[in-house]
N, C-alpha and C. Protein backbone atom coordinates (compact mmCIF):
# COMPACT_ATOMS: atom_id res chain seq x y z
N MET A 1 81.43 100.56 146.79
CA MET A 1 81.94 99.51 147.64
C MET A 1 80.85 98.47 147.87
N PRO A 2 81.18 97.21 147.78
CA PRO A 2 80.17 96.17 147.99
C PRO A 2 79.66 96.09 149.43
N CYS A 3 80.40 96.64 150.38
CA CYS A 3 79.97 96.53 151.77
C CYS A 3 78.72 97.36 152.05
N VAL A 4 78.38 98.29 151.19
CA VAL A 4 77.19 99.11 151.43
C VAL A 4 75.92 98.48 150.88
N PHE A 5 76.03 97.44 150.07
CA PHE A 5 74.85 96.83 149.48
C PHE A 5 73.85 96.32 150.51
N PRO A 6 74.27 95.62 151.57
CA PRO A 6 73.27 95.19 152.57
C PRO A 6 72.57 96.37 153.24
N VAL A 7 73.30 97.45 153.49
CA VAL A 7 72.71 98.62 154.12
C VAL A 7 71.69 99.26 153.18
N LEU A 8 72.06 99.36 151.90
CA LEU A 8 71.12 99.93 150.93
C LEU A 8 69.87 99.07 150.79
N PHE A 9 70.03 97.75 150.84
CA PHE A 9 68.88 96.86 150.79
C PHE A 9 67.96 97.09 151.97
N LEU A 10 68.54 97.17 153.17
CA LEU A 10 67.73 97.38 154.37
C LEU A 10 67.03 98.74 154.32
N LYS A 11 67.72 99.76 153.83
CA LYS A 11 67.11 101.08 153.73
C LYS A 11 65.98 101.06 152.71
N GLY A 12 66.18 100.39 151.58
CA GLY A 12 65.13 100.27 150.57
C GLY A 12 63.92 99.54 151.12
N LEU A 13 64.16 98.49 151.89
CA LEU A 13 63.06 97.74 152.52
C LEU A 13 62.29 98.63 153.48
N ALA A 14 63.00 99.43 154.25
CA ALA A 14 62.34 100.35 155.18
C ALA A 14 61.51 101.39 154.43
N LEU A 15 62.01 101.85 153.29
CA LEU A 15 61.26 102.82 152.50
C LEU A 15 59.97 102.21 151.96
N VAL A 16 60.05 100.97 151.49
CA VAL A 16 58.86 100.30 150.98
C VAL A 16 57.83 100.12 152.08
N GLN A 17 58.28 99.75 153.27
CA GLN A 17 57.36 99.53 154.38
C GLN A 17 56.74 100.83 154.89
N SER A 18 57.40 101.95 154.65
CA SER A 18 56.88 103.23 155.15
C SER A 18 56.15 104.02 154.06
N SER A 19 55.70 103.35 153.02
CA SER A 19 55.08 104.05 151.90
C SER A 19 53.78 104.73 152.27
N GLY A 20 53.14 104.34 153.32
CA GLY A 20 51.87 104.94 153.70
C GLY A 20 52.00 106.15 154.61
N GLU A 21 53.20 106.53 154.96
CA GLU A 21 53.38 107.65 155.89
C GLU A 21 53.32 108.99 155.16
N GLU A 22 53.24 110.07 155.92
CA GLU A 22 53.18 111.42 155.37
C GLU A 22 54.49 111.78 154.68
N ARG A 23 54.37 112.61 153.64
CA ARG A 23 55.56 113.03 152.89
C ARG A 23 56.54 113.81 153.76
N SER A 24 56.02 114.67 154.63
CA SER A 24 56.90 115.48 155.47
C SER A 24 57.69 114.59 156.43
N ARG A 25 57.05 113.57 156.95
CA ARG A 25 57.75 112.64 157.86
C ARG A 25 58.82 111.87 157.10
N LEU A 26 58.50 111.42 155.90
CA LEU A 26 59.49 110.70 155.09
C LEU A 26 60.66 111.61 154.72
N ARG A 27 60.35 112.85 154.38
CA ARG A 27 61.42 113.79 154.03
C ARG A 27 62.33 114.05 155.23
N SER A 28 61.74 114.27 156.40
CA SER A 28 62.56 114.52 157.60
C SER A 28 63.39 113.29 157.94
N HIS A 29 62.82 112.10 157.76
CA HIS A 29 63.58 110.87 158.01
C HIS A 29 64.76 110.77 157.05
N GLY A 30 64.54 111.11 155.78
CA GLY A 30 65.62 111.08 154.79
C GLY A 30 66.73 112.07 155.12
N ILE A 31 66.35 113.25 155.60
CA ILE A 31 67.36 114.27 155.96
C ILE A 31 68.17 113.80 157.16
N VAL A 32 67.51 113.26 158.16
CA VAL A 32 68.22 112.76 159.35
C VAL A 32 69.13 111.60 158.98
N TYR A 33 68.68 110.71 158.10
CA TYR A 33 69.49 109.58 157.65
C TYR A 33 70.74 110.07 156.93
N THR A 34 70.57 111.04 156.03
CA THR A 34 71.70 111.60 155.29
C THR A 34 72.68 112.30 156.23
N LEU A 35 72.16 113.09 157.15
CA LEU A 35 73.04 113.76 158.11
C LEU A 35 73.79 112.76 158.98
N GLY A 36 73.13 111.67 159.35
CA GLY A 36 73.80 110.63 160.14
C GLY A 36 74.97 110.02 159.40
N ILE A 37 74.79 109.77 158.11
CA ILE A 37 75.89 109.23 157.30
C ILE A 37 77.03 110.23 157.22
N LEU A 38 76.71 111.49 156.92
CA LEU A 38 77.75 112.50 156.78
C LEU A 38 78.51 112.71 158.08
N VAL A 39 77.80 112.81 159.18
CA VAL A 39 78.45 113.04 160.47
C VAL A 39 79.33 111.84 160.86
N SER A 40 78.85 110.63 160.61
CA SER A 40 79.66 109.47 160.97
C SER A 40 80.95 109.42 160.14
N PHE A 41 80.88 109.78 158.87
CA PHE A 41 82.10 109.81 158.07
C PHE A 41 83.02 110.95 158.49
N TRP A 42 82.46 112.09 158.88
CA TRP A 42 83.29 113.18 159.38
C TRP A 42 84.02 112.76 160.66
N ILE A 43 83.36 112.00 161.50
CA ILE A 43 84.00 111.51 162.72
C ILE A 43 85.15 110.55 162.38
N ILE A 44 84.91 109.66 161.43
CA ILE A 44 85.97 108.73 161.01
C ILE A 44 87.16 109.49 160.46
N VAL A 45 86.90 110.48 159.61
CA VAL A 45 87.99 111.28 159.03
C VAL A 45 88.72 112.04 160.13
N ALA A 46 88.00 112.60 161.08
CA ALA A 46 88.65 113.33 162.17
C ALA A 46 89.55 112.41 162.98
N VAL A 47 89.08 111.21 163.29
CA VAL A 47 89.90 110.25 164.04
C VAL A 47 91.16 109.89 163.25
N LEU A 48 91.01 109.65 161.95
CA LEU A 48 92.17 109.32 161.13
C LEU A 48 93.16 110.48 161.06
N LEU A 49 92.66 111.70 160.94
CA LEU A 49 93.55 112.86 160.90
C LEU A 49 94.28 113.04 162.23
N ILE A 50 93.58 112.81 163.33
CA ILE A 50 94.23 112.90 164.64
C ILE A 50 95.29 111.83 164.78
N LEU A 51 94.99 110.60 164.35
CA LEU A 51 95.98 109.52 164.43
C LEU A 51 97.20 109.83 163.58
N ARG A 52 96.99 110.36 162.39
CA ARG A 52 98.13 110.71 161.53
C ARG A 52 98.93 111.86 162.11
N ALA A 53 98.26 112.81 162.75
CA ALA A 53 98.98 113.94 163.36
C ALA A 53 99.84 113.49 164.52
N THR A 54 99.46 112.40 165.18
CA THR A 54 100.25 111.90 166.31
C THR A 54 101.34 110.93 165.86
N GLY A 55 101.46 110.72 164.54
CA GLY A 55 102.54 109.89 164.02
C GLY A 55 102.15 108.49 163.63
N SER A 56 100.91 108.11 163.84
CA SER A 56 100.45 106.78 163.46
C SER A 56 100.29 106.70 161.95
N GLN A 57 100.49 105.51 161.40
CA GLN A 57 100.34 105.33 159.97
C GLN A 57 98.96 104.76 159.65
N ALA A 58 97.94 105.47 160.07
CA ALA A 58 96.56 105.03 159.85
C ALA A 58 96.11 105.44 158.46
N GLY A 59 95.27 104.64 157.89
CA GLY A 59 94.73 104.94 156.57
C GLY A 59 93.53 104.04 156.30
N TRP A 60 93.04 104.06 155.07
CA TRP A 60 91.89 103.25 154.69
C TRP A 60 92.34 101.87 154.26
N GLY A 61 91.74 100.85 154.79
CA GLY A 61 91.92 99.50 154.30
C GLY A 61 93.10 98.72 154.84
N PHE A 62 94.03 99.34 155.55
CA PHE A 62 95.18 98.59 156.03
C PHE A 62 94.79 97.55 157.08
N GLN A 63 93.70 97.79 157.79
CA GLN A 63 93.26 96.85 158.82
C GLN A 63 92.83 95.52 158.21
N LEU A 64 92.51 95.50 156.92
CA LEU A 64 92.10 94.25 156.27
C LEU A 64 93.28 93.30 156.04
N GLN A 65 94.46 93.70 156.42
CA GLN A 65 95.63 92.84 156.33
C GLN A 65 95.85 92.07 157.63
N SER A 66 95.03 92.35 158.64
CA SER A 66 95.15 91.69 159.93
C SER A 66 94.22 90.49 160.00
N PRO A 67 94.75 89.28 160.23
CA PRO A 67 93.88 88.10 160.35
C PRO A 67 92.86 88.22 161.49
N THR A 68 93.23 88.87 162.58
CA THR A 68 92.31 89.04 163.70
C THR A 68 91.12 89.92 163.29
N PHE A 69 91.43 91.01 162.61
CA PHE A 69 90.36 91.90 162.15
C PHE A 69 89.44 91.18 161.17
N ILE A 70 90.00 90.40 160.28
CA ILE A 70 89.21 89.65 159.30
C ILE A 70 88.29 88.65 160.02
N ALA A 71 88.80 87.98 161.04
CA ALA A 71 88.00 87.01 161.78
C ALA A 71 86.83 87.70 162.50
N VAL A 72 87.11 88.84 163.13
CA VAL A 72 86.05 89.58 163.83
C VAL A 72 85.02 90.09 162.83
N LEU A 73 85.48 90.59 161.69
CA LEU A 73 84.57 91.08 160.66
C LEU A 73 83.70 89.95 160.10
N ALA A 74 84.30 88.80 159.86
CA ALA A 74 83.55 87.65 159.34
C ALA A 74 82.52 87.17 160.36
N ALA A 75 82.90 87.13 161.63
CA ALA A 75 81.95 86.72 162.67
C ALA A 75 80.79 87.71 162.77
N GLY A 76 81.10 88.99 162.71
CA GLY A 76 80.05 90.00 162.76
C GLY A 76 79.08 89.88 161.59
N LEU A 77 79.61 89.68 160.39
CA LEU A 77 78.75 89.52 159.22
C LEU A 77 77.93 88.24 159.29
N PHE A 78 78.54 87.18 159.83
CA PHE A 78 77.82 85.92 159.98
C PHE A 78 76.61 86.08 160.90
N PHE A 79 76.84 86.72 162.06
CA PHE A 79 75.73 86.90 163.01
C PHE A 79 74.72 87.92 162.50
N PHE A 80 75.16 88.90 161.71
CA PHE A 80 74.23 89.82 161.07
C PHE A 80 73.32 89.06 160.11
N ALA A 81 73.90 88.15 159.35
CA ALA A 81 73.11 87.34 158.41
C ALA A 81 72.11 86.46 159.16
N LEU A 82 72.54 85.85 160.25
CA LEU A 82 71.62 85.04 161.06
C LEU A 82 70.48 85.90 161.62
N SER A 83 70.83 87.08 162.05
CA SER A 83 69.82 87.99 162.60
C SER A 83 68.85 88.43 161.51
N ALA A 84 69.35 88.68 160.30
CA ALA A 84 68.47 89.08 159.21
C ALA A 84 67.51 87.95 158.83
N ARG A 85 67.95 86.72 158.99
CA ARG A 85 67.08 85.57 158.71
C ARG A 85 66.19 85.25 159.91
N ARG A 86 66.36 85.96 160.99
CA ARG A 86 65.64 85.76 162.25
C ARG A 86 65.92 84.39 162.85
N THR A 87 67.10 83.86 162.55
CA THR A 87 67.54 82.61 163.16
C THR A 87 68.03 82.88 164.57
N VAL A 88 68.76 83.97 164.72
CA VAL A 88 69.30 84.37 166.02
C VAL A 88 68.83 85.79 166.27
N ARG A 89 68.33 86.03 167.44
CA ARG A 89 67.92 87.38 167.81
C ARG A 89 68.65 87.79 169.07
N PRO A 90 69.13 89.03 169.11
CA PRO A 90 69.76 89.49 170.35
C PRO A 90 68.70 89.62 171.44
N ARG A 91 69.11 89.37 172.66
CA ARG A 91 68.19 89.50 173.78
C ARG A 91 67.86 90.97 173.99
N PRO A 92 66.60 91.28 174.28
CA PRO A 92 66.26 92.68 174.55
C PRO A 92 66.85 93.12 175.88
N LEU A 93 67.19 94.38 175.96
CA LEU A 93 67.68 94.94 177.21
C LEU A 93 66.52 95.00 178.20
N PRO A 94 66.82 95.05 179.49
CA PRO A 94 65.73 95.03 180.49
C PRO A 94 64.68 96.11 180.26
N HIS A 95 65.07 97.31 179.86
CA HIS A 95 64.07 98.36 179.67
C HIS A 95 63.30 98.19 178.37
N GLN A 96 63.71 97.27 177.50
CA GLN A 96 63.03 97.03 176.24
C GLN A 96 62.03 95.87 176.33
N ARG A 97 62.09 95.13 177.39
CA ARG A 97 61.19 93.98 177.54
C ARG A 97 59.77 94.47 177.77
N ARG A 98 58.85 93.86 177.08
CA ARG A 98 57.44 94.22 177.21
C ARG A 98 56.83 93.39 178.32
N ARG A 99 56.14 94.05 179.19
CA ARG A 99 55.46 93.33 180.27
C ARG A 99 54.13 92.82 179.73
N ARG A 100 53.92 91.52 179.90
CA ARG A 100 52.70 90.90 179.39
C ARG A 100 51.67 90.78 180.49
N PRO A 101 50.43 91.07 180.19
CA PRO A 101 49.37 90.84 181.18
C PRO A 101 49.27 89.35 181.48
N ARG A 102 48.67 89.01 182.59
CA ARG A 102 48.58 87.62 183.00
C ARG A 102 47.83 86.78 181.98
N ALA A 103 46.81 87.30 181.36
CA ALA A 103 46.03 86.54 180.40
C ALA A 103 46.90 86.14 179.20
N GLU A 104 47.77 87.04 178.75
CA GLU A 104 48.65 86.73 177.63
C GLU A 104 49.72 85.73 178.03
N ALA A 105 50.16 85.82 179.26
CA ALA A 105 51.24 84.96 179.73
C ALA A 105 50.73 83.57 180.09
N GLY A 106 49.44 83.36 180.04
CA GLY A 106 48.89 82.05 180.36
C GLY A 106 48.64 81.85 181.84
N LEU A 107 48.64 82.92 182.60
CA LEU A 107 48.42 82.84 184.05
C LEU A 107 47.01 83.35 184.35
N HIS A 108 46.04 82.51 184.17
CA HIS A 108 44.64 82.91 184.38
C HIS A 108 44.30 82.75 185.85
N ARG A 109 43.78 83.79 186.47
CA ARG A 109 43.33 83.72 187.85
C ARG A 109 42.01 84.37 188.00
C-alpha cells in the first residue's frame, strides 16, 4: 500500500540516526516497534469483527467513498507534510515545555 511509504521513510531515517547506539537497544526497539504494529492491527481487526457481529457493514476501504472522510484525510496529510518540513509545528503541551534559565531567556539580572 502506498500509504505506508511515508512511515517507512521516517522509520528508515530514525534507524540511520540511531546507528551509533548499542545493538541490544536497537534490537529491543525493533521488537517493540514490530509488536506495536501487530497489536494495532489486531485492535483494528477486533473492532471490525465486533462491528460486523452487531450487524454493521464495516469493511476495508469503504470509508474512502465518503467525501467528508476524504477531506479530513487530505487535511491530515497536508498538515503532516507541513510538520515534516518544519513549516508548522504543534504547540508543546504544558508538561513538555522546557523552562529556560534567565540568562537564556535574555533576562539578565
